[in-house]
Amino acid sequence: MQANDIPPDNGNDAPVASEPVEVIAESAPAEEGVPNLEDALREAELKAAEYHDAWLRAKAETENVRRRAQEDIAKAAKFAIERFARELLAVKDSLEIALATDAQSVESLRAGSEVTLKQLVAAFEKSALKEVNPLGEKFDPNLHQAISVVASTQEPNTVVTVLQKGYLLADRVLRPAMVVVAKAEA
């Protein structure tokens, strides 16, 4: 027999290998305990909806927290000076009492002014407001503002005169001290 020859029919009805065989796949019944694809899809859709709902709630909660924080910041800025203002009310009251008195002498005005100044200094201390009076100190451009420079017997760059005191609010310059500084002799 040669390679090109077809084998003789031996009477079997078996299909020849060269003919295509059509196989029809029937859906096999699902085994117990194994979900089919439709159930798995439904379950996945339910989980996706659940996660989406949780995400929306978390997003809304985050937005609410952000909004509340902005409101708190606005209130803090609005009422930050409240404590200091309350302290100044006593100072204003003292000044009004001093001005309301008809029979005023120089001594009583001076005594009233001293008491009022003590109240004001106490209010400053409670609010972390410190006075800067740099007379005789080295000039510091971070704390002082030089108005002029004069010849002096003091060491160069030393504050000779304080024209206006400066103030610090919690170690931050609120107003620099206006000073006159000694210059080096030529």
Protein backbone atom coordinates (compact mmCIF):
# COMPACT_ATOMS: atom_id res chain seq x y z
CA MET A 1 0.00 0.00 0.00
CA GLN A 2 1.17 3.42 -0.82
CA ALA A 3 0.85 6.54 1.22
CA ASN A 4 -1.78 8.02 -1.10
CA ASP A 5 -4.07 5.06 -0.94
CA ILE A 6 -7.22 5.14 1.17
CA PRO A 7 -7.71 2.17 3.38
CA PRO A 8 -10.41 -0.17 2.29
CA ASP A 9 -13.82 -0.09 3.96
CA ASN A 10 -13.84 -2.90 6.41
CA GLY A 11 -17.56 -2.69 7.02
CA ASN A 12 -17.33 -0.59 10.18
CA ASP A 13 -19.52 2.47 10.32
CA ALA A 14 -16.89 4.39 12.26
CA PRO A 15 -16.34 7.91 10.98
CA VAL A 16 -13.25 8.58 9.07
CA ALA A 17 -10.83 10.92 10.79
CA SER A 18 -10.89 13.41 7.94
CA GLU A 19 -14.59 14.22 8.37
CA PRO A 20 -15.54 16.95 10.90
CA VAL A 21 -17.39 15.80 13.98
CA GLU A 22 -20.07 18.11 15.42
CA VAL A 23 -20.36 17.99 19.16
CA ILE A 24 -23.36 19.64 20.79
CA ALA A 25 -22.60 20.78 24.29
CA GLU A 26 -25.51 20.45 26.56
CA SER A 27 -25.55 22.52 29.70
CA ALA A 28 -24.69 20.22 32.46
CA PRO A 29 -26.72 20.60 35.60
CA ALA A 30 -24.86 22.59 38.28
CA GLU A 31 -23.34 20.47 40.93
CA GLU A 32 -24.60 21.08 44.42
CA GLY A 33 -22.62 23.79 46.27
CA VAL A 34 -21.24 25.38 43.06
CA PRO A 35 -23.16 28.52 41.98
CA ASN A 36 -23.91 28.97 38.35
CA LEU A 37 -22.82 32.07 36.42
CA GLU A 38 -26.13 33.92 36.74
CA ASP A 39 -26.09 33.62 40.54
CA ALA A 40 -22.46 34.73 40.64
CA LEU A 41 -23.27 37.76 38.47
CA ARG A 42 -26.23 38.75 40.67
CA GLU A 43 -24.08 38.43 43.76
CA ALA A 44 -21.32 40.54 42.20
CA GLU A 45 -23.85 43.23 41.17
CA LEU A 46 -25.25 43.34 44.73
CA LYS A 47 -21.75 43.70 46.17
CA ALA A 48 -20.94 46.45 43.64
CA ALA A 49 -24.12 48.33 44.59
CA GLU A 50 -23.26 47.92 48.28
CA TYR A 51 -19.71 49.25 47.76
CA HIS A 52 -21.01 52.14 45.65
CA ASP A 53 -23.48 53.07 48.38
CA ALA A 54 -20.73 52.92 51.03
CA TRP A 55 -18.50 55.09 48.84
CA LEU A 56 -21.26 57.71 48.40
CA ARG A 57 -21.83 57.80 52.17
CA ALA A 58 -18.10 58.17 52.86
CA LYS A 59 -17.86 60.95 50.28
CA ALA A 60 -20.81 62.79 51.86
CA GLU A 61 -19.31 62.38 55.34
CA THR A 62 -15.97 63.74 54.13
CA GLU A 63 -17.72 66.74 52.62
CA ASN A 64 -19.59 67.35 55.90
CA VAL A 65 -16.35 67.18 57.91
CA ARG A 66 -14.67 69.62 55.50
CA ARG A 67 -17.61 72.03 55.73
CA ARG A 68 -17.66 71.84 59.55
CA ALA A 69 -13.91 72.48 59.68
CA GLN A 70 -14.30 75.57 57.49
CA GLU A 71 -17.08 76.84 59.76
CA ASP A 72 -14.90 76.25 62.83
CA ILE A 73 -12.03 78.16 61.23
CA ALA A 74 -14.34 81.05 60.37
CA LYS A 75 -15.70 81.16 63.93
CA ALA A 76 -12.18 81.00 65.40
CA ALA A 77 -11.08 83.94 63.27
CA LYS A 78 -14.22 85.89 64.11
CA PHE A 79 -14.00 85.37 67.88
CA ALA A 80 -10.22 85.12 68.38
CA ILE A 81 -10.05 88.57 69.91
CA GLU A 82 -12.95 87.95 72.32
CA ARG A 83 -10.79 87.27 75.39
CA PHE A 84 -8.63 90.33 74.77
CA ALA A 85 -11.68 92.52 74.15
CA ARG A 86 -13.20 91.35 77.45
CA GLU A 87 -9.99 92.42 79.25
CA LEU A 88 -10.12 95.86 77.63
CA LEU A 89 -13.65 96.50 78.88
CA ALA A 90 -12.29 97.13 82.40
CA VAL A 91 -9.83 99.66 80.98
CA LYS A 92 -12.62 101.50 79.15
CA ASP A 93 -14.79 101.48 82.28
CA SER A 94 -11.96 103.05 84.31
CA LEU A 95 -11.44 105.78 81.74
CA GLU A 96 -15.17 106.57 81.66
CA ILE A 97 -15.31 106.80 85.46
CA ALA A 98 -12.32 109.14 85.48
CA LEU A 99 -13.93 111.41 82.89
CA ALA A 100 -17.32 111.39 84.66
CA THR A 101 -15.90 112.80 87.90
CA ASP A 102 -16.58 116.54 88.25
CA ALA A 103 -14.11 117.47 90.94
CA GLN A 104 -10.86 116.27 89.46
CA SER A 105 -7.48 117.17 90.73
CA VAL A 106 -4.18 116.51 89.05
CA GLU A 107 -3.38 113.90 91.70
CA SER A 108 -6.65 112.03 91.24
CA LEU A 109 -6.27 112.06 87.43
CA ARG A 110 -2.73 110.75 87.77
CA ALA A 111 -3.76 108.01 90.22
CA GLY A 112 -6.68 107.01 87.97
CA SER A 113 -4.40 106.94 84.92
CA GLU A 114 -1.90 104.73 86.76
CA VAL A 115 -4.63 102.25 87.74
CA THR A 116 -5.96 102.24 84.18
CA LEU A 117 -2.45 101.65 82.79
CA LYS A 118 -1.98 98.71 85.21
CA GLN A 119 -5.27 97.21 83.95
CA LEU A 120 -4.10 97.62 80.37
CA VAL A 121 -0.70 96.02 81.09
CA ALA A 122 -2.46 93.10 82.81
CA ALA A 123 -4.71 92.66 79.75
CA PHE A 124 -1.62 92.67 77.51
CA GLU A 125 0.11 90.03 79.66
CA LYS A 126 -2.93 87.74 79.62
CA SER A 127 -3.02 87.98 75.82
CA ALA A 128 0.73 87.29 75.33
CA LEU A 129 1.30 90.86 74.13
CA LYS A 130 4.83 91.93 75.15
CA GLU A 131 6.31 95.40 75.06
CA VAL A 132 9.64 95.98 73.28
CA ASN A 133 11.66 98.84 74.80
CA PRO A 134 15.18 98.38 73.41
CA LEU A 135 16.93 101.42 74.95
CA GLY A 136 20.65 100.64 75.26
CA GLU A 137 20.35 97.32 73.36
CA LYS A 138 21.95 96.36 70.05
CA PHE A 139 19.85 97.33 67.03
CA ASP A 140 17.89 94.34 65.69
CA PRO A 141 16.21 94.96 62.30
CA ASN A 142 13.78 92.12 63.07
CA LEU A 143 12.41 93.95 66.13
CA HIS A 144 13.33 97.61 65.56
CA GLN A 145 12.82 100.23 62.88
CA ALA A 146 15.64 102.78 62.71
CA ILE A 147 14.29 106.27 62.11
CA SER A 148 17.67 107.96 62.17
CA VAL A 149 21.33 107.46 62.99
CA VAL A 150 23.20 109.89 65.24
CA ALA A 151 26.75 110.33 66.48
CA SER A 152 27.00 109.09 70.03
CA THR A 153 29.48 108.05 72.65
CA GLN A 154 27.68 104.71 72.87
CA GLU A 155 28.81 101.66 70.97
CA PRO A 156 27.88 101.73 67.23
CA ASN A 157 24.54 100.10 66.28
CA THR A 158 23.17 100.62 69.80
CA VAL A 159 19.69 102.06 70.36
CA VAL A 160 20.17 105.59 71.74
CA THR A 161 16.54 106.76 71.84
CA VAL A 162 13.21 104.95 71.65
CA LEU A 163 10.65 107.11 69.84
CA GLN A 164 7.86 104.52 70.00
CA LYS A 165 7.85 101.19 71.82
CA GLY A 166 7.31 98.04 69.82
CA TYR A 167 5.09 95.08 70.62
CA LEU A 168 5.29 91.32 70.14
CA LEU A 169 2.24 89.09 70.01
CA ALA A 170 3.27 85.55 70.98
CA ASP A 171 6.87 86.26 69.83
CA ARG A 172 5.68 87.67 66.50
CA VAL A 173 6.30 91.36 65.76
CA LEU A 174 3.03 93.25 65.97
CA ARG A 175 4.73 96.64 65.68
CA PRO A 176 8.49 97.27 65.54
CA ALA A 177 10.02 99.76 67.97
CA MET A 178 10.91 103.05 66.27
CA VAL A 179 14.42 103.94 67.40
CA VAL A 180 17.39 106.22 66.90
CA VAL A 181 20.66 104.29 66.50
CA ALA A 182 24.24 105.31 67.33
CA LYS A 183 26.62 105.41 64.39
CA ALA A 184 30.31 104.66 64.36
CA GLU A 185 32.56 107.69 64.70
CA ALA A 186 34.62 108.43 61.64
